[in-house]
Amino acid sequence: MGATGDDSGFIYFGTFSGGYALKPYLSNIHVFKAGFSFTPLSWSDVFYLKKMSLGAKYLYYVKDKKEAPIAQGEANLPESFIGQGIDLSLRWQIFYDLSAYINYGLFMPGDAYNSTEGNRNFIMCGANLSF
């Protein structure tokens, strides 16, 4: 229950992709997620167009114990609905050894947050060069 009692938080190994904008720890939280990705130009004969993919995810967050906060004190109101999120991504392998990506995330807080808490936006982009 975290800060209000016995802590039985799950300690996990590796990474958990629970949304770009909220990035929750697995503590007093249930995450429901649905998504898809596709390669819109997979039919192309041009290599650098063929290797582009787009993806989208919808995330719905609820508390396990509504009286306790999540993570490190977030969503501390005694409500179970934490919020919802949307993640969008673009992956592009431009050449065999060069790729780029753009990730965007939006988190819309629910009843477990104060009414003054606004939406959270996240954007990250980068490139990978392999040699």
N, C-alpha and C. Protein backbone atom coordinates (compact mmCIF):
# COMPACT_ATOMS: atom_id res chain seq x y z
N MET A 1 0.81 -1.19 0.00
CA MET A 1 0.00 0.00 0.00
C MET A 1 0.85 1.26 0.00
N GLY A 2 2.13 1.14 -0.13
CA GLY A 2 2.99 2.31 -0.28
C GLY A 2 3.10 3.13 0.98
N ALA A 3 2.90 4.43 0.85
CA ALA A 3 3.10 5.38 1.94
C ALA A 3 2.09 5.23 3.07
N THR A 4 0.98 4.54 2.85
CA THR A 4 -0.05 4.45 3.89
C THR A 4 -0.04 3.12 4.64
N GLY A 5 0.94 2.28 4.42
CA GLY A 5 0.96 1.00 5.12
C GLY A 5 2.01 0.07 4.58
N ASP A 6 1.73 -1.23 4.59
CA ASP A 6 2.68 -2.23 4.11
C ASP A 6 2.98 -2.01 2.63
N ASP A 7 4.26 -2.00 2.32
CA ASP A 7 4.67 -1.84 0.93
C ASP A 7 4.91 -3.20 0.32
N SER A 8 4.12 -3.55 -0.66
CA SER A 8 4.30 -4.82 -1.36
C SER A 8 4.49 -4.55 -2.85
N GLY A 9 5.21 -3.44 -3.16
CA GLY A 9 5.45 -3.06 -4.55
C GLY A 9 6.26 -4.13 -5.27
N PHE A 10 5.93 -4.35 -6.50
CA PHE A 10 6.59 -5.35 -7.32
C PHE A 10 7.92 -4.79 -7.82
N ILE A 11 9.00 -5.51 -7.57
CA ILE A 11 10.31 -5.10 -8.06
C ILE A 11 10.57 -5.88 -9.34
N TYR A 12 10.66 -5.19 -10.44
CA TYR A 12 10.80 -5.84 -11.73
C TYR A 12 12.18 -5.59 -12.30
N PHE A 13 12.60 -6.47 -13.19
CA PHE A 13 13.88 -6.34 -13.86
C PHE A 13 13.63 -5.88 -15.29
N GLY A 14 14.53 -5.10 -15.82
CA GLY A 14 14.37 -4.60 -17.17
C GLY A 14 13.58 -3.30 -17.18
N THR A 15 12.86 -3.08 -18.25
CA THR A 15 12.08 -1.86 -18.37
C THR A 15 10.61 -2.20 -18.60
N PHE A 16 9.76 -1.29 -18.21
CA PHE A 16 8.33 -1.42 -18.43
C PHE A 16 7.86 -0.19 -19.19
N SER A 17 7.29 -0.39 -20.35
CA SER A 17 6.80 0.72 -21.16
C SER A 17 5.34 0.98 -20.80
N GLY A 18 5.12 1.87 -19.85
CA GLY A 18 3.77 2.18 -19.40
C GLY A 18 3.27 3.52 -19.86
N GLY A 19 3.82 4.04 -20.93
CA GLY A 19 3.40 5.33 -21.45
C GLY A 19 4.53 6.34 -21.38
N TYR A 20 4.70 7.12 -22.42
CA TYR A 20 5.80 8.08 -22.48
C TYR A 20 5.62 9.23 -21.49
N ALA A 21 4.42 9.75 -21.35
CA ALA A 21 4.22 10.96 -20.55
C ALA A 21 4.10 10.69 -19.06
N LEU A 22 3.47 9.59 -18.63
CA LEU A 22 3.36 9.29 -17.20
C LEU A 22 4.57 8.51 -16.71
N LYS A 23 5.06 7.56 -17.47
CA LYS A 23 6.18 6.69 -17.11
C LYS A 23 6.03 6.14 -15.69
N PRO A 24 5.00 5.36 -15.44
CA PRO A 24 4.74 4.93 -14.07
C PRO A 24 5.66 3.80 -13.60
N TYR A 25 5.94 3.79 -12.31
CA TYR A 25 6.53 2.63 -11.67
C TYR A 25 5.39 1.65 -11.42
N LEU A 26 5.71 0.39 -11.34
CA LEU A 26 4.67 -0.61 -11.07
C LEU A 26 4.43 -0.67 -9.56
N SER A 27 3.73 0.31 -9.06
CA SER A 27 3.42 0.40 -7.64
C SER A 27 1.99 0.92 -7.49
N ASN A 28 1.09 0.07 -7.01
CA ASN A 28 -0.31 0.41 -6.79
C ASN A 28 -1.00 0.86 -8.08
N ILE A 29 -0.70 0.20 -9.18
CA ILE A 29 -1.24 0.64 -10.45
C ILE A 29 -1.56 -0.55 -11.35
N HIS A 30 -2.64 -0.40 -12.11
CA HIS A 30 -2.98 -1.34 -13.18
C HIS A 30 -2.96 -0.53 -14.47
N VAL A 31 -2.32 -1.07 -15.49
CA VAL A 31 -2.21 -0.39 -16.77
C VAL A 31 -2.85 -1.28 -17.84
N PHE A 32 -3.85 -0.75 -18.51
CA PHE A 32 -4.49 -1.45 -19.62
C PHE A 32 -4.06 -0.73 -20.89
N LYS A 33 -3.55 -1.50 -21.85
CA LYS A 33 -2.95 -0.89 -23.02
C LYS A 33 -3.37 -1.62 -24.29
N ALA A 34 -3.65 -0.84 -25.33
CA ALA A 34 -3.96 -1.40 -26.65
C ALA A 34 -3.25 -0.54 -27.68
N GLY A 35 -2.73 -1.17 -28.71
CA GLY A 35 -2.01 -0.40 -29.71
C GLY A 35 -1.80 -1.15 -30.99
N PHE A 36 -1.18 -0.49 -31.92
CA PHE A 36 -0.87 -1.08 -33.21
C PHE A 36 0.31 -0.34 -33.83
N SER A 37 0.93 -0.97 -34.80
CA SER A 37 1.94 -0.30 -35.62
C SER A 37 1.85 -0.86 -37.03
N PHE A 38 2.28 -0.06 -37.98
CA PHE A 38 2.23 -0.51 -39.36
C PHE A 38 3.31 0.22 -40.17
N THR A 39 3.64 -0.35 -41.31
CA THR A 39 4.61 0.24 -42.22
C THR A 39 3.85 0.73 -43.46
N PRO A 40 3.55 2.02 -43.53
CA PRO A 40 2.69 2.52 -44.60
C PRO A 40 3.29 2.42 -46.00
N LEU A 41 4.60 2.36 -46.09
CA LEU A 41 5.23 2.32 -47.41
C LEU A 41 5.99 1.01 -47.64
N SER A 42 5.53 -0.05 -47.05
CA SER A 42 6.22 -1.34 -47.17
C SER A 42 6.22 -1.87 -48.60
N TRP A 43 5.33 -1.43 -49.41
CA TRP A 43 5.23 -1.86 -50.81
C TRP A 43 6.30 -1.21 -51.69
N SER A 44 6.94 -0.14 -51.20
CA SER A 44 7.89 0.62 -52.00
C SER A 44 9.16 -0.19 -52.29
N ASP A 45 9.75 0.08 -53.45
CA ASP A 45 11.04 -0.53 -53.80
C ASP A 45 12.22 0.28 -53.26
N VAL A 46 11.96 1.47 -52.77
CA VAL A 46 13.01 2.33 -52.23
C VAL A 46 13.26 1.93 -50.77
N PHE A 47 14.50 1.51 -50.48
CA PHE A 47 14.82 0.96 -49.16
C PHE A 47 14.48 1.92 -48.02
N TYR A 48 14.88 3.19 -48.14
CA TYR A 48 14.68 4.12 -47.03
C TYR A 48 13.22 4.51 -46.81
N LEU A 49 12.36 4.29 -47.76
CA LEU A 49 10.92 4.50 -47.54
C LEU A 49 10.25 3.25 -47.00
N LYS A 50 10.72 2.10 -47.43
CA LYS A 50 10.14 0.82 -47.03
C LYS A 50 10.29 0.57 -45.52
N LYS A 51 11.34 1.10 -44.92
CA LYS A 51 11.67 0.82 -43.52
C LYS A 51 11.15 1.90 -42.56
N MET A 52 10.03 2.51 -42.87
CA MET A 52 9.43 3.50 -41.98
C MET A 52 8.19 2.88 -41.33
N SER A 53 8.04 3.03 -40.01
CA SER A 53 6.86 2.49 -39.34
C SER A 53 6.25 3.54 -38.40
N LEU A 54 4.94 3.48 -38.28
CA LEU A 54 4.17 4.36 -37.41
C LEU A 54 3.46 3.50 -36.38
N GLY A 55 3.37 4.00 -35.16
CA GLY A 55 2.70 3.25 -34.11
C GLY A 55 1.88 4.15 -33.21
N ALA A 56 0.87 3.57 -32.57
CA ALA A 56 0.01 4.30 -31.63
C ALA A 56 -0.42 3.36 -30.52
N LYS A 57 -0.53 3.90 -29.30
CA LYS A 57 -1.00 3.13 -28.14
C LYS A 57 -1.98 3.99 -27.34
N TYR A 58 -2.97 3.33 -26.77
CA TYR A 58 -3.89 3.97 -25.83
C TYR A 58 -3.68 3.27 -24.48
N LEU A 59 -3.55 4.06 -23.41
CA LEU A 59 -3.30 3.52 -22.08
C LEU A 59 -4.36 4.03 -21.10
N TYR A 60 -4.80 3.14 -20.23
CA TYR A 60 -5.81 3.47 -19.22
C TYR A 60 -5.23 3.03 -17.87
N TYR A 61 -5.15 3.97 -16.90
CA TYR A 61 -4.50 3.72 -15.63
C TYR A 61 -5.52 3.76 -14.48
N VAL A 62 -5.50 2.75 -13.62
CA VAL A 62 -6.30 2.74 -12.39
C VAL A 62 -5.43 2.25 -11.23
N LYS A 63 -5.82 2.66 -10.03
CA LYS A 63 -5.10 2.23 -8.82
C LYS A 63 -5.58 0.86 -8.36
N ASP A 64 -4.71 0.15 -7.69
CA ASP A 64 -5.10 -1.09 -7.03
C ASP A 64 -5.81 -0.76 -5.72
N LYS A 65 -5.21 0.08 -4.89
CA LYS A 65 -5.81 0.55 -3.64
C LYS A 65 -6.03 2.06 -3.79
N LYS A 66 -7.28 2.47 -3.84
CA LYS A 66 -7.57 3.88 -4.16
C LYS A 66 -7.12 4.86 -3.09
N GLU A 67 -6.90 4.41 -1.86
CA GLU A 67 -6.49 5.31 -0.78
C GLU A 67 -5.01 5.67 -0.87
N ALA A 68 -4.21 4.86 -1.54
CA ALA A 68 -2.76 5.06 -1.58
C ALA A 68 -2.35 5.74 -2.89
N PRO A 69 -1.24 6.49 -2.84
CA PRO A 69 -0.74 7.11 -4.08
C PRO A 69 -0.03 6.08 -4.96
N ILE A 70 0.35 6.50 -6.14
CA ILE A 70 1.14 5.65 -7.02
C ILE A 70 2.58 6.15 -7.02
N ALA A 71 3.48 5.35 -7.52
CA ALA A 71 4.89 5.71 -7.70
C ALA A 71 5.47 6.35 -6.44
N GLN A 72 5.89 7.58 -6.54
CA GLN A 72 6.51 8.27 -5.41
C GLN A 72 5.65 9.43 -4.94
N GLY A 73 4.38 9.14 -4.65
CA GLY A 73 3.47 10.14 -4.11
C GLY A 73 2.55 10.81 -5.10
N GLU A 74 2.53 10.35 -6.34
CA GLU A 74 1.63 10.94 -7.32
C GLU A 74 0.22 10.39 -7.17
N ALA A 75 -0.75 11.10 -7.71
CA ALA A 75 -2.15 10.69 -7.71
C ALA A 75 -2.59 10.33 -6.29
N ASN A 76 -2.43 11.27 -5.37
CA ASN A 76 -2.65 10.99 -3.95
C ASN A 76 -4.07 11.20 -3.45
N LEU A 77 -5.01 11.57 -4.31
CA LEU A 77 -6.41 11.67 -3.87
C LEU A 77 -7.02 10.27 -3.79
N PRO A 78 -7.95 10.03 -2.87
CA PRO A 78 -8.52 8.69 -2.70
C PRO A 78 -9.55 8.32 -3.78
N GLU A 79 -9.11 8.33 -5.00
CA GLU A 79 -9.93 7.94 -6.16
C GLU A 79 -9.15 6.89 -6.94
N SER A 80 -9.84 6.01 -7.62
CA SER A 80 -9.14 4.92 -8.32
C SER A 80 -8.71 5.27 -9.74
N PHE A 81 -9.37 6.21 -10.41
CA PHE A 81 -9.05 6.54 -11.79
C PHE A 81 -7.85 7.48 -11.85
N ILE A 82 -6.71 6.98 -12.34
CA ILE A 82 -5.49 7.78 -12.43
C ILE A 82 -5.51 8.65 -13.68
N GLY A 83 -5.92 8.10 -14.80
CA GLY A 83 -5.96 8.88 -16.03
C GLY A 83 -5.79 7.99 -17.25
N GLN A 84 -5.55 8.63 -18.38
CA GLN A 84 -5.37 7.90 -19.62
C GLN A 84 -4.28 8.57 -20.45
N GLY A 85 -3.70 7.80 -21.35
CA GLY A 85 -2.60 8.31 -22.14
C GLY A 85 -2.67 7.86 -23.59
N ILE A 86 -1.96 8.60 -24.42
CA ILE A 86 -1.84 8.28 -25.83
C ILE A 86 -0.37 8.41 -26.20
N ASP A 87 0.18 7.39 -26.84
CA ASP A 87 1.56 7.40 -27.31
C ASP A 87 1.57 7.24 -28.83
N LEU A 88 2.38 8.05 -29.49
CA LEU A 88 2.57 7.97 -30.93
C LEU A 88 4.06 7.83 -31.21
N SER A 89 4.42 7.05 -32.22
CA SER A 89 5.84 6.88 -32.54
C SER A 89 6.05 6.75 -34.04
N LEU A 90 7.21 7.22 -34.46
CA LEU A 90 7.67 7.08 -35.84
C LEU A 90 9.07 6.50 -35.77
N ARG A 91 9.29 5.40 -36.45
CA ARG A 91 10.60 4.75 -36.55
C ARG A 91 10.97 4.73 -38.03
N TRP A 92 12.23 5.11 -38.32
CA TRP A 92 12.63 5.19 -39.71
C TRP A 92 14.07 4.73 -39.86
N GLN A 93 14.27 3.61 -40.54
CA GLN A 93 15.61 3.16 -40.87
C GLN A 93 15.96 3.76 -42.22
N ILE A 94 16.69 4.87 -42.18
CA ILE A 94 16.99 5.63 -43.38
C ILE A 94 17.96 4.86 -44.28
N PHE A 95 19.04 4.38 -43.68
CA PHE A 95 20.01 3.53 -44.36
C PHE A 95 20.23 2.31 -43.48
N TYR A 96 21.04 1.40 -43.93
CA TYR A 96 21.32 0.20 -43.15
C TYR A 96 21.91 0.54 -41.78
N ASP A 97 22.75 1.58 -41.71
CA ASP A 97 23.44 1.93 -40.48
C ASP A 97 22.94 3.22 -39.83
N LEU A 98 21.89 3.82 -40.35
CA LEU A 98 21.37 5.07 -39.81
C LEU A 98 19.85 4.99 -39.65
N SER A 99 19.38 5.24 -38.44
CA SER A 99 17.93 5.26 -38.20
C SER A 99 17.58 6.44 -37.32
N ALA A 100 16.32 6.82 -37.35
CA ALA A 100 15.82 7.95 -36.56
C ALA A 100 14.48 7.57 -35.95
N TYR A 101 14.13 8.27 -34.88
CA TYR A 101 12.85 8.01 -34.23
C TYR A 101 12.30 9.28 -33.61
N ILE A 102 10.99 9.32 -33.48
CA ILE A 102 10.28 10.39 -32.79
C ILE A 102 9.19 9.73 -31.95
N ASN A 103 9.14 10.06 -30.66
CA ASN A 103 8.11 9.55 -29.76
C ASN A 103 7.34 10.74 -29.18
N TYR A 104 6.03 10.63 -29.13
CA TYR A 104 5.19 11.65 -28.49
C TYR A 104 4.24 10.97 -27.53
N GLY A 105 4.09 11.54 -26.35
CA GLY A 105 3.16 11.00 -25.37
C GLY A 105 2.30 12.09 -24.76
N LEU A 106 1.07 11.75 -24.47
CA LEU A 106 0.12 12.66 -23.81
C LEU A 106 -0.51 11.91 -22.66
N PHE A 107 -0.46 12.49 -21.45
CA PHE A 107 -1.14 11.93 -20.29
C PHE A 107 -2.20 12.90 -19.83
N MET A 108 -3.44 12.41 -19.69
CA MET A 108 -4.56 13.22 -19.23
C MET A 108 -4.96 12.72 -17.85
N PRO A 109 -4.66 13.50 -16.79
CA PRO A 109 -4.92 13.05 -15.42
C PRO A 109 -6.41 12.80 -15.15
N GLY A 110 -6.65 11.85 -14.25
CA GLY A 110 -8.01 11.52 -13.87
C GLY A 110 -8.36 12.04 -12.49
N ASP A 111 -9.34 11.41 -11.85
CA ASP A 111 -9.87 11.86 -10.56
C ASP A 111 -8.87 11.76 -9.41
N ALA A 112 -7.83 10.95 -9.53
CA ALA A 112 -6.85 10.78 -8.45
C ALA A 112 -5.88 11.94 -8.35
N TYR A 113 -5.92 12.86 -9.31
CA TYR A 113 -5.07 14.06 -9.30
C TYR A 113 -5.91 15.27 -8.92
N ASN A 114 -5.26 16.29 -8.39
CA ASN A 114 -5.93 17.56 -8.11
C ASN A 114 -6.44 18.15 -9.41
N SER A 115 -7.50 18.93 -9.32
CA SER A 115 -8.09 19.52 -10.53
C SER A 115 -7.16 20.53 -11.19
N THR A 116 -6.13 21.00 -10.49
CA THR A 116 -5.19 21.95 -11.06
C THR A 116 -4.12 21.27 -11.91
N GLU A 117 -4.02 19.95 -11.81
CA GLU A 117 -3.04 19.21 -12.60
C GLU A 117 -3.48 19.20 -14.06
N GLY A 118 -2.61 19.69 -14.93
CA GLY A 118 -2.92 19.74 -16.35
C GLY A 118 -2.39 18.52 -17.10
N ASN A 119 -2.67 18.48 -18.37
CA ASN A 119 -2.16 17.41 -19.21
C ASN A 119 -0.64 17.45 -19.26
N ARG A 120 -0.03 16.29 -19.42
CA ARG A 120 1.42 16.21 -19.57
C ARG A 120 1.74 15.80 -21.00
N ASN A 121 2.69 16.50 -21.59
CA ASN A 121 3.16 16.17 -22.93
C ASN A 121 4.61 15.74 -22.85
N PHE A 122 4.98 14.84 -23.72
CA PHE A 122 6.35 14.32 -23.77
C PHE A 122 6.73 14.17 -25.23
N ILE A 123 7.92 14.61 -25.57
CA ILE A 123 8.43 14.37 -26.92
C ILE A 123 9.91 14.04 -26.83
N MET A 124 10.30 13.06 -27.62
CA MET A 124 11.69 12.63 -27.65
C MET A 124 12.03 12.24 -29.08
N CYS A 125 13.17 12.68 -29.54
CA CYS A 125 13.60 12.28 -30.88
C CYS A 125 15.09 12.00 -30.84
N GLY A 126 15.54 11.22 -31.78
CA GLY A 126 16.96 10.91 -31.82
C GLY A 126 17.32 10.14 -33.07
N ALA A 127 18.60 9.85 -33.16
CA ALA A 127 19.11 9.09 -34.29
C ALA A 127 20.12 8.06 -33.79
N ASN A 128 20.22 6.97 -34.49
CA ASN A 128 21.16 5.91 -34.17
C ASN A 128 22.07 5.69 -35.36
N LEU A 129 23.37 5.69 -35.09
CA LEU A 129 24.36 5.42 -36.12
C LEU A 129 25.13 4.19 -35.69
N SER A 130 25.09 3.17 -36.51
CA SER A 130 25.79 1.92 -36.22
C SER A 130 27.02 1.80 -37.11
N PHE A 131 28.14 1.47 -36.49
CA PHE A 131 29.36 1.25 -37.29
C PHE A 131 30.24 0.21 -36.65
